[in-house]
């Protein structure tokens, strides 16, 4: 979601919102986002564990908190200073109202904790990368 919203900020193209009638405070889906550095840190911990013990596992990663589609768009508008247009579209079949990850297993087994929980920090970092590296034609 975040890369799509930031691409919309750069191009001026609208971002689609699939469903405005979910059982959430603002009617849009809620998802759990993590910072790319937290994702990389989890991979490093998993590789270290694999090298040390030969153990590999399957882990969910997340903050344990969620943000709605509208919240992500509003934070992106604030961070970028851009107007980000939206197109309201019908729900996609099968999309749940909320998807929040439980990271208890990776916390317990590898000691991983998300370091960057704040949505604004996550979006700021992504925005800095996108505006410096993404080539828009």
Foldseek 3Di string as FASTA:
>chain_A
DLVQLLVCQVPVDAAEFAFQCAPDPRTFAKEFDAAVVLVVVLVVLQVVCCVVPVDHDDFDDGQQDIDGPVRSNVLLCVLSVGDHHYDYHHHDPPDHRYDGGDRVVCCVPRVRHGPDRDSNVRSNVVNVCCVVPPDDD
